[in-house]
Amino acid sequence: MAHVFVYGTLKRGQPNHKVMLDGTNGWAAFRGRGCTAEPYPLVIAGEHNIPRLLHLPGRGHCVVGEIYTVDEQMLCFLDDFEGCPDMYQRTAMQVRVLEWEGGGGPGDSVQCFVYSTATYAPEWVHLPYHDSYDSEGPHGLRYNPRENR
């Protein structure tokens, strides 16, 4: 079992959350909300308006997302889903707990796998940085789901 921190389209209420619920992909359980312990740039980039966490620790904001416990099958599925290691790289980072289901507390820290990218177009560094993502947020950059591409 491993912890995974999701900050974009895999969160509850977002376009790709269904893959976290699909048992054929493996097992995943929501544990709580958290934010990256260090600031990172979260941008919405590319022709499909995909949220991307640029691997530039110390820049941007502490990014808010969700923490899941997943099994090895789900972790392998997510690697494939996220295009790891080409589009995203799975790295371990500290996530500060904001809310934890079933006890535990805000302020605790948990090590999670996060899909961020160290390979991106140079101009992405100059895009607006977000502290959280919603596909229908005020940014006006609507996500283009995979099934529509």
N, C-alpha and C. Protein backbone atom coordinates (compact mmCIF):
# COMPACT_ATOMS: atom_id res chain seq x y z
N MET A 1 0.84 -1.20 0.00
CA MET A 1 0.00 0.00 0.00
C MET A 1 0.88 1.25 0.00
N ALA A 2 0.38 2.26 -0.65
CA ALA A 2 1.11 3.53 -0.74
C ALA A 2 0.11 4.68 -0.68
N HIS A 3 0.60 5.84 -0.30
CA HIS A 3 -0.22 7.05 -0.34
C HIS A 3 0.07 7.79 -1.65
N VAL A 4 -1.00 8.29 -2.26
CA VAL A 4 -0.88 9.10 -3.47
C VAL A 4 -1.62 10.40 -3.22
N PHE A 5 -0.99 11.50 -3.62
CA PHE A 5 -1.59 12.83 -3.51
C PHE A 5 -2.02 13.26 -4.92
N VAL A 6 -3.30 13.56 -5.09
CA VAL A 6 -3.81 14.02 -6.38
C VAL A 6 -4.29 15.46 -6.24
N TYR A 7 -4.00 16.27 -7.24
CA TYR A 7 -4.28 17.70 -7.17
C TYR A 7 -5.09 18.21 -8.36
N GLY A 8 -5.40 17.33 -9.32
CA GLY A 8 -6.04 17.79 -10.55
C GLY A 8 -7.30 17.03 -10.89
N THR A 9 -7.32 16.44 -12.08
CA THR A 9 -8.53 15.82 -12.60
C THR A 9 -8.90 14.51 -11.92
N LEU A 10 -8.03 13.99 -11.05
CA LEU A 10 -8.34 12.74 -10.32
C LEU A 10 -9.07 12.99 -9.01
N LYS A 11 -9.18 14.24 -8.58
CA LYS A 11 -9.88 14.55 -7.32
C LYS A 11 -11.38 14.27 -7.46
N ARG A 12 -12.03 14.14 -6.31
CA ARG A 12 -13.48 13.97 -6.29
C ARG A 12 -14.14 15.16 -6.99
N GLY A 13 -15.17 14.87 -7.79
CA GLY A 13 -15.87 15.93 -8.50
C GLY A 13 -15.19 16.41 -9.77
N GLN A 14 -14.06 15.81 -10.10
CA GLN A 14 -13.32 16.22 -11.30
C GLN A 14 -13.46 15.15 -12.40
N PRO A 15 -13.14 15.52 -13.65
CA PRO A 15 -13.46 14.66 -14.80
C PRO A 15 -12.88 13.24 -14.78
N ASN A 16 -11.72 13.01 -14.18
CA ASN A 16 -11.11 11.68 -14.22
C ASN A 16 -11.22 10.92 -12.90
N HIS A 17 -11.98 11.43 -11.94
CA HIS A 17 -12.09 10.77 -10.64
C HIS A 17 -12.61 9.34 -10.76
N LYS A 18 -13.41 9.08 -11.79
CA LYS A 18 -14.00 7.74 -11.97
C LYS A 18 -12.94 6.65 -12.01
N VAL A 19 -11.74 6.94 -12.47
CA VAL A 19 -10.71 5.89 -12.54
C VAL A 19 -10.25 5.48 -11.14
N MET A 20 -10.38 6.37 -10.16
CA MET A 20 -10.01 6.04 -8.78
C MET A 20 -11.04 5.10 -8.15
N LEU A 21 -12.25 5.11 -8.69
CA LEU A 21 -13.35 4.29 -8.14
C LEU A 21 -13.50 2.96 -8.84
N ASP A 22 -12.84 2.79 -9.99
CA ASP A 22 -13.00 1.60 -10.81
C ASP A 22 -12.10 0.48 -10.29
N GLY A 23 -12.73 -0.54 -9.68
CA GLY A 23 -12.00 -1.65 -9.09
C GLY A 23 -11.17 -2.45 -10.06
N THR A 24 -11.48 -2.37 -11.36
CA THR A 24 -10.65 -3.08 -12.34
C THR A 24 -9.27 -2.45 -12.46
N ASN A 25 -9.12 -1.20 -12.00
CA ASN A 25 -7.81 -0.52 -12.03
C ASN A 25 -6.98 -0.82 -10.77
N GLY A 26 -7.62 -1.40 -9.77
CA GLY A 26 -6.97 -1.62 -8.48
C GLY A 26 -7.82 -1.01 -7.39
N TRP A 27 -7.23 -0.88 -6.22
CA TRP A 27 -7.96 -0.40 -5.04
C TRP A 27 -7.43 0.97 -4.62
N ALA A 28 -8.35 1.89 -4.34
CA ALA A 28 -7.99 3.22 -3.84
C ALA A 28 -9.01 3.64 -2.80
N ALA A 29 -8.54 4.23 -1.71
CA ALA A 29 -9.43 4.73 -0.66
C ALA A 29 -9.04 6.17 -0.32
N PHE A 30 -10.05 7.04 -0.33
CA PHE A 30 -9.84 8.44 0.06
C PHE A 30 -9.47 8.49 1.53
N ARG A 31 -8.43 9.23 1.87
CA ARG A 31 -7.99 9.36 3.26
C ARG A 31 -8.19 10.76 3.81
N GLY A 32 -8.07 11.76 2.96
CA GLY A 32 -8.24 13.11 3.45
C GLY A 32 -7.75 14.15 2.46
N ARG A 33 -7.78 15.37 2.92
CA ARG A 33 -7.28 16.49 2.12
C ARG A 33 -5.94 16.92 2.66
N GLY A 34 -5.11 17.43 1.78
CA GLY A 34 -3.80 17.89 2.19
C GLY A 34 -3.27 18.94 1.25
N CYS A 35 -2.07 19.41 1.55
CA CYS A 35 -1.39 20.34 0.65
C CYS A 35 0.10 20.03 0.68
N THR A 36 0.76 20.33 -0.41
CA THR A 36 2.19 20.07 -0.48
C THR A 36 2.88 20.84 0.63
N ALA A 37 3.86 20.22 1.27
CA ALA A 37 4.58 20.88 2.36
C ALA A 37 5.41 22.05 1.82
N GLU A 38 5.88 21.90 0.58
CA GLU A 38 6.63 22.97 -0.07
C GLU A 38 5.79 23.57 -1.19
N PRO A 39 6.04 24.83 -1.54
CA PRO A 39 5.35 25.42 -2.69
C PRO A 39 5.82 24.78 -4.00
N TYR A 40 4.89 24.67 -4.93
CA TYR A 40 5.17 24.21 -6.30
C TYR A 40 4.29 25.02 -7.25
N PRO A 41 4.74 25.23 -8.48
CA PRO A 41 3.87 25.87 -9.47
C PRO A 41 2.85 24.86 -10.02
N LEU A 42 1.58 25.14 -9.82
CA LEU A 42 0.51 24.37 -10.43
C LEU A 42 -0.03 25.24 -11.56
N VAL A 43 0.12 24.75 -12.79
CA VAL A 43 -0.32 25.51 -13.96
C VAL A 43 -1.34 24.69 -14.74
N ILE A 44 -2.09 25.36 -15.58
CA ILE A 44 -3.01 24.70 -16.50
C ILE A 44 -2.43 24.96 -17.88
N ALA A 45 -2.01 23.88 -18.56
CA ALA A 45 -1.20 24.07 -19.75
C ALA A 45 -1.52 23.07 -20.85
N GLY A 46 -1.06 23.41 -22.03
CA GLY A 46 -1.19 22.53 -23.18
C GLY A 46 -2.54 22.68 -23.87
N GLU A 47 -2.66 22.04 -25.02
CA GLU A 47 -3.87 22.22 -25.82
C GLU A 47 -5.12 21.65 -25.16
N HIS A 48 -4.97 20.77 -24.16
CA HIS A 48 -6.14 20.18 -23.50
C HIS A 48 -6.39 20.76 -22.11
N ASN A 49 -5.68 21.83 -21.76
CA ASN A 49 -5.86 22.50 -20.46
C ASN A 49 -5.71 21.53 -19.30
N ILE A 50 -4.57 20.85 -19.27
CA ILE A 50 -4.29 19.84 -18.25
C ILE A 50 -3.59 20.50 -17.06
N PRO A 51 -4.04 20.22 -15.82
CA PRO A 51 -3.33 20.74 -14.66
C PRO A 51 -2.00 20.00 -14.50
N ARG A 52 -0.94 20.76 -14.31
CA ARG A 52 0.40 20.17 -14.20
C ARG A 52 1.14 20.81 -13.04
N LEU A 53 1.70 19.96 -12.22
CA LEU A 53 2.53 20.41 -11.11
C LEU A 53 3.98 20.38 -11.61
N LEU A 54 4.55 21.56 -11.81
CA LEU A 54 5.92 21.64 -12.30
C LEU A 54 6.87 21.32 -11.16
N HIS A 55 7.84 20.46 -11.43
CA HIS A 55 8.78 20.06 -10.38
C HIS A 55 9.83 21.16 -10.17
N LEU A 56 9.35 22.24 -9.53
CA LEU A 56 10.19 23.37 -9.16
C LEU A 56 9.92 23.70 -7.70
N PRO A 57 10.40 22.85 -6.77
CA PRO A 57 10.11 23.11 -5.36
C PRO A 57 10.58 24.49 -4.94
N GLY A 58 9.74 25.13 -4.12
CA GLY A 58 10.08 26.45 -3.61
C GLY A 58 9.45 27.58 -4.40
N ARG A 59 8.87 27.28 -5.55
CA ARG A 59 8.19 28.31 -6.36
C ARG A 59 6.69 28.02 -6.33
N GLY A 60 5.89 29.05 -6.49
CA GLY A 60 4.45 28.84 -6.56
C GLY A 60 3.78 28.84 -5.21
N HIS A 61 2.85 27.91 -5.03
CA HIS A 61 2.02 27.82 -3.82
C HIS A 61 2.09 26.42 -3.23
N CYS A 62 1.72 26.31 -1.96
CA CYS A 62 1.45 24.98 -1.40
C CYS A 62 0.13 24.54 -2.02
N VAL A 63 0.16 23.47 -2.77
CA VAL A 63 -0.97 23.05 -3.60
C VAL A 63 -1.89 22.12 -2.81
N VAL A 64 -3.18 22.41 -2.85
CA VAL A 64 -4.19 21.64 -2.13
C VAL A 64 -4.69 20.49 -3.01
N GLY A 65 -4.87 19.33 -2.39
CA GLY A 65 -5.39 18.17 -3.12
C GLY A 65 -5.91 17.13 -2.17
N GLU A 66 -5.97 15.89 -2.64
CA GLU A 66 -6.52 14.78 -1.87
C GLU A 66 -5.50 13.67 -1.72
N ILE A 67 -5.57 12.99 -0.57
CA ILE A 67 -4.66 11.88 -0.26
C ILE A 67 -5.46 10.58 -0.33
N TYR A 68 -4.90 9.61 -1.05
CA TYR A 68 -5.51 8.28 -1.19
C TYR A 68 -4.50 7.23 -0.77
N THR A 69 -5.00 6.13 -0.24
CA THR A 69 -4.19 4.93 -0.08
C THR A 69 -4.54 4.04 -1.26
N VAL A 70 -3.51 3.54 -1.94
CA VAL A 70 -3.73 2.70 -3.13
C VAL A 70 -2.92 1.42 -3.02
N ASP A 71 -3.38 0.40 -3.74
CA ASP A 71 -2.61 -0.84 -3.80
C ASP A 71 -1.66 -0.78 -5.00
N GLU A 72 -0.83 -1.80 -5.13
CA GLU A 72 0.18 -1.83 -6.19
C GLU A 72 -0.46 -1.80 -7.58
N GLN A 73 -1.59 -2.49 -7.74
CA GLN A 73 -2.27 -2.50 -9.04
C GLN A 73 -2.72 -1.10 -9.43
N MET A 74 -3.31 -0.34 -8.49
CA MET A 74 -3.76 1.02 -8.78
C MET A 74 -2.55 1.92 -9.05
N LEU A 75 -1.47 1.74 -8.31
CA LEU A 75 -0.28 2.54 -8.54
C LEU A 75 0.25 2.31 -9.96
N CYS A 76 0.28 1.07 -10.39
CA CYS A 76 0.72 0.75 -11.76
C CYS A 76 -0.24 1.36 -12.79
N PHE A 77 -1.55 1.27 -12.50
CA PHE A 77 -2.53 1.88 -13.39
C PHE A 77 -2.30 3.39 -13.49
N LEU A 78 -2.09 4.04 -12.34
CA LEU A 78 -1.89 5.49 -12.34
C LEU A 78 -0.61 5.88 -13.08
N ASP A 79 0.44 5.08 -12.94
CA ASP A 79 1.66 5.34 -13.71
C ASP A 79 1.35 5.38 -15.20
N ASP A 80 0.58 4.41 -15.66
CA ASP A 80 0.22 4.36 -17.07
C ASP A 80 -0.71 5.52 -17.43
N PHE A 81 -1.72 5.76 -16.60
CA PHE A 81 -2.70 6.82 -16.84
C PHE A 81 -2.02 8.19 -16.93
N GLU A 82 -1.02 8.41 -16.10
CA GLU A 82 -0.32 9.70 -16.06
C GLU A 82 0.85 9.79 -17.05
N GLY A 83 1.03 8.74 -17.85
CA GLY A 83 2.11 8.77 -18.83
C GLY A 83 3.48 8.80 -18.19
N CYS A 84 3.61 8.09 -17.09
CA CYS A 84 4.86 8.05 -16.33
C CYS A 84 5.80 7.03 -16.95
N PRO A 85 7.03 7.37 -17.23
CA PRO A 85 7.78 8.54 -16.77
C PRO A 85 7.93 9.65 -17.80
N ASP A 86 7.26 9.57 -18.96
CA ASP A 86 7.49 10.57 -20.00
C ASP A 86 6.77 11.89 -19.75
N MET A 87 5.45 11.84 -19.55
CA MET A 87 4.69 13.07 -19.35
C MET A 87 4.80 13.57 -17.92
N TYR A 88 4.64 12.66 -16.96
CA TYR A 88 4.78 12.97 -15.54
C TYR A 88 5.80 12.02 -14.94
N GLN A 89 6.38 12.44 -13.84
CA GLN A 89 7.28 11.58 -13.09
C GLN A 89 6.67 11.40 -11.70
N ARG A 90 6.68 10.16 -11.22
CA ARG A 90 6.14 9.88 -9.88
C ARG A 90 7.28 10.05 -8.88
N THR A 91 7.10 11.01 -7.97
CA THR A 91 8.11 11.26 -6.95
C THR A 91 7.45 11.26 -5.58
N ALA A 92 8.24 11.01 -4.56
CA ALA A 92 7.73 11.06 -3.19
C ALA A 92 7.94 12.46 -2.64
N MET A 93 6.91 12.99 -1.99
CA MET A 93 7.05 14.28 -1.32
C MET A 93 6.18 14.33 -0.08
N GLN A 94 6.52 15.25 0.79
CA GLN A 94 5.76 15.42 2.02
C GLN A 94 4.50 16.23 1.75
N VAL A 95 3.39 15.74 2.30
CA VAL A 95 2.10 16.42 2.18
C VAL A 95 1.60 16.69 3.59
N ARG A 96 1.22 17.92 3.83
CA ARG A 96 0.68 18.33 5.12
C ARG A 96 -0.82 18.03 5.14
N VAL A 97 -1.27 17.32 6.16
CA VAL A 97 -2.68 16.94 6.27
C VAL A 97 -3.51 18.15 6.69
N LEU A 98 -4.61 18.39 5.95
CA LEU A 98 -5.56 19.44 6.29
C LEU A 98 -6.78 18.83 6.98
N GLU A 99 -7.25 17.68 6.47
CA GLU A 99 -8.37 16.93 7.06
C GLU A 99 -8.06 15.46 6.84
N TRP A 100 -8.31 14.66 7.85
CA TRP A 100 -8.05 13.22 7.75
C TRP A 100 -9.29 12.47 8.17
N GLU A 101 -9.73 11.52 7.37
CA GLU A 101 -10.92 10.73 7.71
C GLU A 101 -10.58 9.76 8.83
N GLY A 102 -11.45 9.66 9.80
CA GLY A 102 -11.31 8.67 10.85
C GLY A 102 -10.20 8.96 11.85
N GLY A 103 -9.93 10.22 12.11
CA GLY A 103 -8.92 10.56 13.10
C GLY A 103 -7.65 11.05 12.46
N GLY A 104 -6.64 11.25 13.27
CA GLY A 104 -5.43 11.89 12.75
C GLY A 104 -5.70 13.36 12.68
N GLY A 105 -4.71 14.12 12.44
CA GLY A 105 -5.02 15.52 12.57
C GLY A 105 -4.38 16.44 11.57
N PRO A 106 -5.02 17.59 11.45
CA PRO A 106 -4.42 18.64 10.64
C PRO A 106 -3.03 18.97 11.18
N GLY A 107 -2.14 19.24 10.27
CA GLY A 107 -0.78 19.57 10.66
C GLY A 107 0.16 18.38 10.58
N ASP A 108 -0.41 17.15 10.68
CA ASP A 108 0.43 15.96 10.50
C ASP A 108 0.96 15.97 9.07
N SER A 109 2.00 15.23 8.86
CA SER A 109 2.60 15.14 7.54
C SER A 109 2.65 13.68 7.11
N VAL A 110 2.43 13.43 5.83
CA VAL A 110 2.49 12.08 5.30
C VAL A 110 3.27 12.10 4.00
N GLN A 111 4.08 11.06 3.80
CA GLN A 111 4.81 10.96 2.53
C GLN A 111 3.89 10.34 1.50
N CYS A 112 3.79 11.01 0.35
CA CYS A 112 2.91 10.56 -0.73
C CYS A 112 3.66 10.54 -2.05
N PHE A 113 3.20 9.67 -2.93
CA PHE A 113 3.64 9.77 -4.31
C PHE A 113 2.82 10.86 -4.98
N VAL A 114 3.49 11.65 -5.80
CA VAL A 114 2.84 12.74 -6.53
C VAL A 114 3.33 12.68 -7.97
N TYR A 115 2.41 12.93 -8.90
CA TYR A 115 2.78 12.99 -10.31
C TYR A 115 3.01 14.46 -10.67
N SER A 116 4.29 14.78 -10.83
CA SER A 116 4.68 16.13 -11.23
C SER A 116 5.50 16.00 -12.51
N THR A 117 5.86 17.11 -13.09
CA THR A 117 6.64 17.04 -14.32
C THR A 117 7.87 17.94 -14.28
N ALA A 118 8.98 17.35 -14.66
CA ALA A 118 10.23 18.09 -14.80
C ALA A 118 10.49 18.37 -16.27
N THR A 119 9.62 17.84 -17.13
CA THR A 119 9.77 18.03 -18.58
C THR A 119 8.56 18.81 -19.08
N TYR A 120 8.77 20.06 -19.44
CA TYR A 120 7.67 20.92 -19.85
C TYR A 120 8.21 22.04 -20.74
N ALA A 121 7.29 22.66 -21.45
CA ALA A 121 7.64 23.80 -22.30
C ALA A 121 8.11 24.96 -21.42
N PRO A 122 9.20 25.62 -21.78
CA PRO A 122 9.74 26.70 -20.93
C PRO A 122 8.73 27.79 -20.60
N GLU A 123 7.80 28.07 -21.50
CA GLU A 123 6.84 29.15 -21.25
C GLU A 123 5.84 28.81 -20.14
N TRP A 124 5.71 27.52 -19.79
CA TRP A 124 4.78 27.14 -18.73
C TRP A 124 5.14 27.75 -17.40
N VAL A 125 6.42 28.02 -17.18
CA VAL A 125 6.87 28.63 -15.92
C VAL A 125 6.23 30.01 -15.74
N HIS A 126 5.84 30.64 -16.85
CA HIS A 126 5.30 32.00 -16.80
C HIS A 126 3.77 32.04 -16.78
N LEU A 127 3.14 30.86 -16.78
CA LEU A 127 1.67 30.81 -16.68
C LEU A 127 1.25 31.13 -15.25
N PRO A 128 -0.02 31.50 -15.03
CA PRO A 128 -0.48 31.75 -13.66
C PRO A 128 -0.35 30.49 -12.79
N TYR A 129 0.08 30.69 -11.55
CA TYR A 129 0.21 29.59 -10.58
C TYR A 129 -1.07 29.53 -9.75
N HIS A 130 -1.58 28.32 -9.56
CA HIS A 130 -2.80 28.10 -8.80
C HIS A 130 -2.47 27.36 -7.50
N ASP A 131 -3.28 27.56 -6.46
CA ASP A 131 -3.06 26.81 -5.22
C ASP A 131 -3.99 25.60 -5.13
N SER A 132 -4.99 25.55 -6.01
CA SER A 132 -5.85 24.38 -6.11
C SER A 132 -6.44 24.36 -7.52
N TYR A 133 -7.02 23.23 -7.88
CA TYR A 133 -7.54 23.06 -9.24
C TYR A 133 -8.98 22.62 -9.22
N ASP A 134 -9.76 23.23 -10.09
CA ASP A 134 -11.13 22.80 -10.38
C ASP A 134 -11.29 22.97 -11.88
N SER A 135 -11.70 21.91 -12.56
CA SER A 135 -11.80 21.95 -14.02
C SER A 135 -12.78 23.03 -14.50
N GLU A 136 -13.68 23.45 -13.62
CA GLU A 136 -14.65 24.48 -14.01
C GLU A 136 -14.42 25.76 -13.20
N GLY A 137 -13.20 25.96 -12.76
CA GLY A 137 -12.87 27.11 -11.92
C GLY A 137 -12.88 28.43 -12.67
N PRO A 138 -12.63 29.52 -11.94
CA PRO A 138 -12.69 30.86 -12.53
C PRO A 138 -11.59 31.13 -13.56
N HIS A 139 -10.63 30.23 -13.68
CA HIS A 139 -9.56 30.40 -14.66
C HIS A 139 -10.09 30.36 -16.10
N GLY A 140 -11.26 29.72 -16.32
CA GLY A 140 -11.87 29.66 -17.64
C GLY A 140 -11.20 28.71 -18.61
N LEU A 141 -10.29 27.87 -18.13
CA LEU A 141 -9.56 26.93 -18.99
C LEU A 141 -10.16 25.54 -18.81
N ARG A 142 -11.23 25.27 -19.51
CA ARG A 142 -11.95 24.02 -19.35
C ARG A 142 -11.11 22.84 -19.85
N TYR A 143 -10.99 21.82 -19.00
CA TYR A 143 -10.26 20.59 -19.32
C TYR A 143 -10.94 19.85 -20.46
N ASN A 144 -10.17 19.37 -21.41
CA ASN A 144 -10.68 18.58 -22.52
C ASN A 144 -10.45 17.10 -22.20
N PRO A 145 -11.52 16.36 -21.83
CA PRO A 145 -11.37 14.97 -21.43
C PRO A 145 -10.78 14.09 -22.54
N ARG A 146 -10.08 13.05 -22.13
CA ARG A 146 -9.41 12.13 -23.06
C ARG A 146 -10.37 11.59 -24.12
N GLU A 147 -11.60 11.28 -23.68
CA GLU A 147 -12.55 10.68 -24.62
C GLU A 147 -12.98 11.64 -25.73
N ASN A 148 -12.69 12.94 -25.57
CA ASN A 148 -13.04 13.94 -26.59
C ASN A 148 -11.87 14.30 -27.49
N ARG A 149 -10.70 13.73 -27.25
CA ARG A 149 -9.51 14.14 -28.02
C ARG A 149 -9.39 13.36 -29.31
